[in-house]
């Protein structure tokens, strides 16, 4: 079986959040299970730089084909990817059986769907939270769906939802229930086997032995970072320090405006590689107060690093955290609730440790990429069998 994965961003594009990490891990796990995988992507890296790698390369057994964007600044600031040469790159591919699209409303999907339809190939879409029109530029997204991308979800052989919350979003969007398959996102468990020594992040940032509360992820309006910052106002959490690690996606100004004294909150920008793991390994509490998020990898990464978590109750990760008994939930925007839950986890380390242990078991049993890839491979095989019978 040969599957073409289509994503506007692929490692090392960490500035774009979880999708690059998800597609990378899934693709490599599929290769380990005997599936031939090609990835079509763009050279997006961040607002200023392009990926400086060969246009065609081998990545742990995954064949990666990269096409340039006309403007990576436009891609980063407005999520408008304008791939150049995508159709030409696809013409060189042979033997593809199925196409898997990642993310919604980017033109690389349109290129791939037209190519797949021309060859009678089925395709799968994993929107990963981008299916509904929410948060920003809702009117623009409506026009885009009407004129450019509305046909993409409707034409998919299956849409993959990563949580029950995501299933609900697909049904809300009008997709038939029998064309929605629920498969969670995965994690690379091996990445967390050798963590940076405890104290590495604290020493690098002069944090001493103060209680360390962390947020890791993009700083956009629905992530709730402004509410988390407000929870630290007026010394309400004693000498605890909040470290916000993430690139600004339109929410940093609001977060800074809610900020207390500079000593209580540190904005450290995008963290990559070992520095990202060092923050998680040193944190006493990890807070992910997002809303309307269909999954969210960061709380599970935190659990694998040994840090107890507080997460938004209406998120996909919240439903799994609750199922596993692996953390505390909070309503989006509830500043007092955030304070109370942070205090609980800082003060009751026995209970916090038990939550972490349950969470690590849950991740190992359900969210490793090998298990998730096997579920995807079975879905692909089922779709191809349906195509043969049709």
Protein backbone atom coordinates (compact mmCIF):
# COMPACT_ATOMS: atom_id res chain seq x y z
CA UNK A 1 0.00 0.00 0.00
CA UNK A 2 1.33 3.44 -0.97
CA UNK A 3 -0.21 6.45 0.83
CA UNK A 4 0.42 10.09 -0.04
CA UNK A 5 0.20 12.40 3.00
CA UNK A 6 -0.45 16.05 2.25
CA UNK A 7 0.38 18.76 4.80
CA UNK A 8 1.35 22.42 4.36
CA UNK A 9 4.03 22.07 7.07
CA UNK A 10 6.34 19.22 8.00
CA UNK A 11 9.34 19.04 10.36
CA UNK A 12 11.34 21.07 11.17
CA UNK A 13 8.35 23.49 11.09
CA UNK A 14 7.70 23.50 14.86
CA UNK A 15 6.33 27.05 14.77
CA UNK A 16 3.11 25.70 13.24
CA UNK A 17 2.06 23.65 16.25
CA UNK A 18 1.04 20.03 16.52
CA UNK A 19 0.18 18.98 12.97
CA UNK A 20 3.81 18.72 11.76
CA UNK A 21 4.63 16.55 14.78
CA UNK A 22 1.54 14.39 14.22
CA UNK A 23 2.15 13.81 10.50
CA UNK A 24 5.83 13.07 11.12
CA UNK A 25 5.18 10.46 13.80
CA UNK A 26 2.29 8.85 11.96
CA UNK A 27 4.22 8.63 8.68
CA UNK A 28 7.26 7.02 10.27
CA UNK A 29 5.11 4.54 12.22
CA UNK A 30 3.27 3.57 9.03
CA UNK A 31 6.61 2.89 7.33
CA UNK A 32 7.58 0.60 10.23
CA UNK A 33 4.38 -1.33 9.57
CA UNK A 34 5.17 -1.86 5.91
CA UNK A 35 3.20 1.00 4.34
CA UNK A 36 4.98 3.02 1.66
CA UNK A 37 4.60 6.71 2.53
CA UNK A 38 5.24 9.87 0.54
CA UNK A 39 4.65 13.32 2.05
CA UNK A 40 3.83 16.37 -0.06
CA UNK A 41 4.50 19.61 1.81
CA UNK A 42 5.69 23.20 1.41
CA UNK A 43 8.86 24.96 2.49
CA UNK A 44 7.09 26.85 5.29
CA UNK A 45 9.32 27.26 8.36
CA UNK A 46 8.22 30.50 10.00
CA UNK A 47 7.41 34.07 9.01
CA UNK A 48 10.95 34.88 7.90
CA UNK A 49 12.60 31.63 6.83
CA UNK A 50 12.10 28.71 4.49
CA UNK A 51 13.01 25.09 5.10
CA UNK A 52 16.55 24.69 3.78
CA UNK A 53 16.42 21.02 2.76
CA UNK A 54 16.44 19.16 -0.58
CA UNK A 55 13.16 19.32 -2.51
CA UNK A 56 13.05 15.54 -2.46
CA UNK A 57 14.54 13.72 0.51
CA UNK A 58 14.34 10.57 2.58
CA UNK A 59 13.15 11.17 6.14
CA UNK A 60 13.40 7.98 8.23
CA UNK A 61 12.04 5.97 5.31
CA UNK A 62 9.39 8.55 4.40
CA UNK A 63 9.84 10.16 0.99
CA UNK A 64 9.29 13.91 1.37
CA UNK A 65 8.48 16.13 -1.62
CA UNK A 66 8.66 19.86 -0.86
CA UNK A 67 7.30 22.69 -3.01
CA UNK A 68 7.88 26.40 -2.35
CA UNK A 69 5.29 28.89 -1.10
CA UNK A 70 4.97 32.14 -2.99
CA UNK A 71 5.15 33.93 0.39
CA UNK A 72 6.00 32.30 3.69
CA UNK A 73 5.18 35.54 5.53
CA UNK A 74 1.61 35.34 4.20
CA UNK A 75 1.49 31.63 5.07
CA UNK A 76 2.59 32.26 8.66
CA UNK A 77 0.63 35.44 9.38
CA UNK A 78 -2.60 34.53 7.61
CA UNK A 79 -2.44 30.72 7.17
CA UNK A 80 -2.70 31.32 3.42
CA UNK A 81 -0.43 28.78 1.76
CA UNK A 82 0.25 29.46 -1.91
CA UNK A 83 2.19 26.42 -3.12
CA UNK A 84 4.11 26.76 -6.36
CA UNK A 85 4.62 23.66 -8.47
CA UNK A 86 2.48 21.23 -6.48
CA UNK A 87 0.75 19.76 -9.53
CA UNK A 88 4.09 19.35 -11.29
CA UNK A 89 5.57 17.57 -8.26
CA UNK A 90 2.62 15.18 -8.11
CA UNK A 91 2.98 14.22 -11.76
CA UNK A 92 6.22 12.47 -10.85
CA UNK A 93 4.55 10.17 -8.29
CA UNK A 94 3.58 6.63 -9.25
CA UNK A 95 1.75 3.78 -7.56
CA UNK A 96 -0.15 5.83 -4.98
CA UNK A 97 -3.24 4.00 -3.66
CA UNK A 98 -4.76 6.59 -1.34
CA UNK A 99 -4.25 10.24 -0.31
CA UNK A 100 -4.41 11.47 3.30
CA UNK A 101 -4.94 15.23 3.75
CA UNK A 102 -3.96 16.97 7.00
CA UNK A 103 -5.56 20.29 7.93
CA UNK A 104 -8.31 22.15 6.09
CA UNK A 105 -8.40 25.34 3.97
CA UNK A 106 -4.98 25.24 2.39
CA UNK A 107 -4.46 25.14 -1.36
CA UNK A 108 -2.14 22.14 -1.26
CA UNK A 109 -5.27 20.11 -0.46
CA UNK A 110 -6.98 21.44 -3.58
CA UNK A 111 -4.00 20.46 -5.71
CA UNK A 112 -3.92 16.97 -4.22
CA UNK A 113 -7.70 16.43 -4.47
CA UNK A 114 -7.71 17.40 -8.16
CA UNK A 115 -4.79 15.02 -8.76
CA UNK A 116 -6.47 12.19 -6.83
CA UNK A 117 -9.79 12.60 -8.62
CA UNK A 118 -8.04 12.56 -11.98
CA UNK A 119 -6.69 9.12 -11.08
CA UNK A 120 -9.76 7.76 -9.33
CA UNK A 121 -8.01 7.64 -5.94
CA UNK A 122 -9.90 7.97 -2.64
CA UNK A 123 -8.74 10.44 -0.03
CA UNK A 124 -8.99 10.84 3.74
CA UNK A 125 -9.09 14.16 5.60
CA UNK A 126 -7.86 14.75 9.16
CA UNK A 127 -8.81 18.38 9.81
CA UNK A 128 -7.36 18.37 13.36
CA UNK A 129 -9.60 21.14 14.62
CA UNK A 130 -9.71 23.25 11.46
CA UNK A 131 -13.04 21.99 10.10
CA UNK A 132 -15.38 24.53 11.73
CA UNK A 133 -15.07 28.26 11.25
CA UNK A 134 -14.03 29.67 14.63
CA UNK A 135 -11.64 31.97 16.52
CA UNK A 136 -10.41 34.34 13.79
CA UNK A 137 -11.44 35.56 10.32
CA UNK A 138 -14.73 33.67 10.41
CA UNK A 139 -16.14 35.65 7.50
CA UNK A 140 -13.07 35.02 5.38
CA UNK A 141 -13.27 31.31 6.16
CA UNK A 142 -16.94 31.26 5.10
CA UNK A 143 -16.10 32.84 1.76
CA UNK A 144 -13.14 30.47 1.36
CA UNK A 145 -15.38 27.46 1.99
CA UNK A 146 -17.98 28.68 -0.49
CA UNK A 147 -15.48 29.46 -3.23
CA UNK A 148 -12.46 27.21 -2.68
CA UNK A 149 -12.50 24.46 -0.07
CA UNK A 150 -16.03 23.44 0.86
CA UNK A 151 -15.94 20.43 -1.44
CA UNK A 152 -12.86 18.90 0.20
CA UNK A 153 -14.49 17.43 3.35
CA UNK A 154 -17.62 16.42 1.44
CA UNK A 155 -15.61 14.44 -1.08
CA UNK A 156 -13.51 12.49 1.44
CA UNK A 157 -13.98 8.74 1.68
CA UNK A 158 -13.54 9.23 5.43
CA UNK A 159 -12.88 12.15 7.73
CA UNK A 160 -10.76 11.19 10.73
CA UNK A 161 -11.88 12.73 14.02
CA UNK A 162 -9.33 12.61 16.83
CA UNK A 163 -11.76 12.75 19.79
CA UNK A 164 -15.45 12.69 20.67
CA UNK A 165 -15.39 16.49 20.60
CA UNK A 166 -14.01 16.30 17.08
CA UNK A 167 -16.72 13.82 16.03
CA UNK A 168 -19.29 16.35 17.24
CA UNK A 169 -17.66 19.07 15.15
CA UNK A 170 -17.83 16.89 12.04
CA UNK A 171 -21.51 16.18 12.61
CA UNK A 172 -22.13 19.87 13.23
CA UNK A 173 -20.48 20.57 9.88
CA UNK A 174 -23.06 18.31 8.24
CA UNK A 175 -20.88 15.29 7.46
CA UNK A 176 -22.59 11.88 7.62
CA UNK A 177 -21.75 9.87 10.73
CA UNK A 178 -20.82 6.80 8.68
CA UNK A 179 -18.02 8.74 6.99
CA UNK A 180 -16.42 9.90 10.25
CA UNK A 181 -13.83 7.56 11.79
CA UNK A 182 -12.49 8.27 15.29
CA UNK A 183 -8.75 7.70 15.70
CA UNK A 184 -6.76 9.70 18.29
CA UNK A 185 -3.58 11.57 17.58
CA UNK A 186 -0.41 9.79 18.60
CA UNK A 187 2.81 10.49 20.46
CA UNK A 188 6.37 9.31 19.90
CA UNK A 189 6.92 7.53 23.22
CA UNK A 190 10.63 7.13 22.52
CA UNK A 191 11.09 10.90 22.59
CA UNK A 192 10.41 10.89 26.33
CA UNK A 193 12.68 8.03 27.38
CA UNK A 194 15.76 10.21 27.98
CA UNK A 195 14.71 13.62 29.30
CA UNK A 196 17.04 16.53 30.08
CA UNK A 197 18.26 16.44 33.70
CA UNK A 198 15.89 18.13 36.13
CA UNK A 199 16.96 21.67 36.83
CA UNK A 200 18.25 22.33 33.30
CA UNK A 201 15.53 24.84 32.37
CA UNK A 202 15.51 26.45 35.81
CA UNK A 203 19.26 27.03 35.69
CA UNK A 204 19.18 28.44 32.16
CA UNK A 205 16.47 30.96 33.09
CA UNK A 206 17.50 31.77 36.66
CA UNK A 207 14.31 30.40 38.25
CA UNK A 208 15.89 28.86 41.33
CA UNK A 209 13.65 26.58 43.38
CA UNK A 210 10.41 28.54 42.97
CA UNK A 211 7.28 26.54 42.07
CA UNK A 212 7.19 26.48 38.27
CA UNK A 213 3.88 26.54 36.38
CA UNK A 214 4.22 26.07 32.62
CA UNK A 215 2.22 26.72 29.48
CA UNK A 216 3.57 25.29 26.22
CA UNK A 217 1.99 25.87 22.82
CA UNK A 218 0.95 28.56 20.41
CA UNK A 219 -0.30 31.77 22.00
CA UNK A 220 -3.59 32.39 20.19
CA UNK A 221 -6.87 33.80 21.58
CA UNK A 222 -8.65 30.51 22.23
CA UNK A 223 -5.68 29.02 24.11
CA UNK A 224 -6.66 30.98 27.24
CA UNK A 225 -3.15 32.16 28.07
CA UNK A 226 -4.53 35.58 29.06
CA UNK A 227 -6.70 33.94 31.73
CA UNK A 228 -3.77 31.90 32.98
CA UNK A 229 -1.63 35.03 33.28
CA UNK A 230 -4.44 36.77 35.17
CA UNK A 231 -4.45 33.93 37.70
CA UNK A 232 -1.01 35.09 38.85
CA UNK A 233 -2.09 38.69 39.56
CA UNK A 234 -1.56 40.27 42.99
CA UNK A 235 0.67 37.47 44.23
CA UNK A 236 -2.31 35.10 44.35
CA UNK A 237 -0.04 32.10 43.83
CA UNK A 238 2.74 33.14 46.17
CA UNK A 239 6.22 32.89 44.77
CA UNK A 240 5.20 30.58 41.91
CA UNK A 241 6.39 31.63 38.47
CA UNK A 242 4.52 31.08 35.21
CA UNK A 243 6.62 30.30 32.14
CA UNK A 244 4.81 30.77 28.81
CA UNK A 245 6.63 28.95 26.01
CA UNK A 246 5.13 29.49 22.58
CA UNK A 247 5.12 31.65 19.48
CA UNK A 248 2.64 34.51 19.11
CA UNK A 249 -0.33 33.61 16.91
CA UNK A 250 -2.43 36.64 17.79
CA UNK A 251 -2.88 36.18 21.54
CA UNK A 252 0.30 37.52 23.09
CA UNK A 253 -0.84 41.15 23.41
CA UNK A 254 -3.93 40.13 25.41
CA UNK A 255 -1.83 37.88 27.64
CA UNK A 256 0.70 40.63 28.35
CA UNK A 257 -2.11 43.07 29.11
CA UNK A 258 -3.34 40.78 31.89
CA UNK A 259 0.16 40.36 33.27
CA UNK A 260 1.15 41.02 36.91
CA UNK A 261 4.67 41.97 37.97
CA UNK A 262 7.29 40.76 35.45
CA UNK A 263 8.86 38.49 38.05
CA UNK A 264 5.70 36.35 38.20
CA UNK A 265 5.38 35.61 34.47
CA UNK A 266 8.10 34.85 31.92
CA UNK A 267 7.37 34.86 28.18
CA UNK A 268 10.18 32.83 26.62
CA UNK A 269 8.94 32.44 23.02
CA UNK A 270 8.96 29.30 20.90
CA UNK A 271 10.79 26.37 22.49
CA UNK A 272 12.14 23.57 20.34
CA UNK A 273 13.83 20.22 20.88
CA UNK A 274 15.63 19.69 24.19
CA UNK A 275 14.64 23.10 25.58
CA UNK A 276 10.95 22.24 25.17
CA UNK A 277 11.42 18.95 27.01
CA UNK A 278 13.53 20.69 29.65
CA UNK A 279 10.64 23.02 30.51
CA UNK A 280 8.24 20.08 30.86
CA UNK A 281 10.72 18.09 32.94
CA UNK A 282 11.23 21.01 35.36
CA UNK A 283 7.59 22.12 35.67
CA UNK A 284 5.62 21.46 38.84
CA UNK A 285 2.29 22.03 37.06
CA UNK A 286 1.42 22.25 33.36
CA UNK A 287 -1.69 24.25 32.42
CA UNK A 288 -3.41 24.00 29.04
CA UNK A 289 -6.53 26.19 29.40
CA UNK A 290 -7.67 26.10 25.77
CA UNK A 291 -11.23 25.95 24.48
CA UNK A 292 -12.82 24.30 21.42
CA UNK A 293 -9.69 22.23 20.85
CA UNK A 294 -10.27 18.76 19.42
CA UNK A 295 -7.18 17.17 20.94
CA UNK A 296 -4.08 18.95 22.26
CA UNK A 297 -0.84 16.99 22.48
CA UNK A 298 0.92 19.09 25.12
CA UNK A 299 -0.87 17.75 28.25
CA UNK A 300 0.03 14.18 27.29
CA UNK A 301 3.63 15.20 26.59
CA UNK A 302 3.66 16.80 30.03
CA UNK A 303 2.42 13.62 31.68
CA UNK A 304 5.17 11.65 29.95
CA UNK A 305 7.65 14.13 31.44
CA UNK A 306 6.18 13.61 34.92
CA UNK A 307 4.27 16.88 35.36
CA UNK A 308 0.63 17.00 36.56
CA UNK A 309 -1.80 18.87 34.31
CA UNK A 310 -4.75 21.26 34.34
CA UNK A 311 -6.67 21.33 31.04
CA UNK A 312 -9.74 22.97 29.54
CA UNK A 313 -12.84 20.88 30.19
CA UNK A 314 -14.35 21.30 26.70
CA UNK A 315 -11.26 20.14 24.79
CA UNK A 316 -10.58 16.77 23.26
CA UNK A 317 -7.60 16.32 25.56
CA UNK A 318 -9.89 17.17 28.49
CA UNK A 319 -12.20 14.27 27.71
CA UNK A 320 -9.23 11.87 27.60
CA UNK A 321 -7.64 13.31 30.74
CA UNK A 322 -10.96 12.80 32.53
CA UNK A 323 -11.29 9.25 31.18
CA UNK A 324 -7.82 8.40 32.47
CA UNK A 325 -8.20 10.26 35.79
CA UNK A 326 -4.94 11.95 34.85
CA UNK A 327 -5.46 15.60 35.75
CA UNK A 328 -7.82 18.41 36.71
CA UNK A 329 -10.29 20.13 34.39
CA UNK A 330 -11.23 23.81 34.35
CA UNK A 331 -13.84 25.87 32.53
CA UNK A 332 -12.40 28.21 29.90
CA UNK A 333 -12.05 31.73 31.29
CA UNK A 334 -12.44 30.71 34.95
CA UNK A 335 -9.50 32.56 36.49
CA UNK A 336 -10.42 31.64 40.06
CA UNK A 337 -10.78 28.01 39.02
CA UNK A 338 -7.32 28.07 37.45
CA UNK A 339 -5.81 29.42 40.66
CA UNK A 340 -7.59 26.81 42.79
CA UNK A 341 -6.47 23.89 40.62
CA UNK A 342 -2.88 25.09 40.42
CA UNK A 343 -2.82 25.42 44.21
CA UNK A 344 -4.22 21.90 44.58
CA UNK A 345 -1.54 20.32 42.42
CA UNK A 346 1.25 22.36 44.04
CA UNK A 347 0.16 21.47 47.54
CA UNK A 348 -0.90 17.82 47.20
CA UNK A 349 2.06 16.19 45.49
CA UNK A 350 0.89 12.67 46.36
CA UNK A 351 -2.39 13.12 44.48
CA UNK A 352 -0.57 14.89 41.66
CA UNK A 353 1.87 11.99 41.36
CA UNK A 354 -0.98 9.47 41.21
CA UNK A 355 -2.59 11.44 38.36
CA UNK A 356 0.70 11.45 36.46
CA UNK A 357 1.08 7.68 36.90
CA UNK A 358 -2.43 7.05 35.58
CA UNK A 359 -1.83 9.40 32.67
CA UNK A 360 1.42 7.75 31.66
CA UNK A 361 -0.25 4.33 31.65
CA UNK A 362 -3.10 5.67 29.52
CA UNK A 363 -0.76 7.24 26.97
CA UNK A 364 1.33 4.07 26.73
CA UNK A 365 -1.75 1.90 26.22
CA UNK A 366 -3.71 4.11 23.81
CA UNK A 367 -1.70 6.91 22.20
CA UNK A 368 1.63 5.48 21.03
CA UNK A 369 2.18 6.06 17.32
CA UNK A 370 2.48 2.36 16.51
CA UNK A 371 -1.05 1.72 17.82
CA UNK A 372 -2.42 4.84 16.11
CA UNK A 373 -0.70 3.97 12.82
CA UNK A 374 -2.17 0.45 12.91
CA UNK A 375 -5.65 1.96 13.21
CA UNK A 376 -4.94 4.22 10.21
CA UNK A 377 -3.58 1.34 8.13
CA UNK A 378 -6.74 -0.67 8.87
CA UNK A 379 -8.89 2.30 7.83
CA UNK A 380 -6.94 2.71 4.57
CA UNK A 381 -7.36 -1.01 3.79
CA UNK A 382 -11.09 -0.82 4.51
CA UNK A 383 -11.52 2.16 2.18
CA UNK A 384 -9.56 0.49 -0.61
CA UNK A 385 -11.64 -2.65 -0.20
CA UNK A 386 -14.82 -0.58 -0.48
CA UNK A 387 -13.45 1.03 -3.63
CA UNK A 388 -12.78 -2.37 -5.18
CA UNK A 389 -16.29 -3.59 -4.33
CA UNK A 390 -18.00 -0.46 -5.67
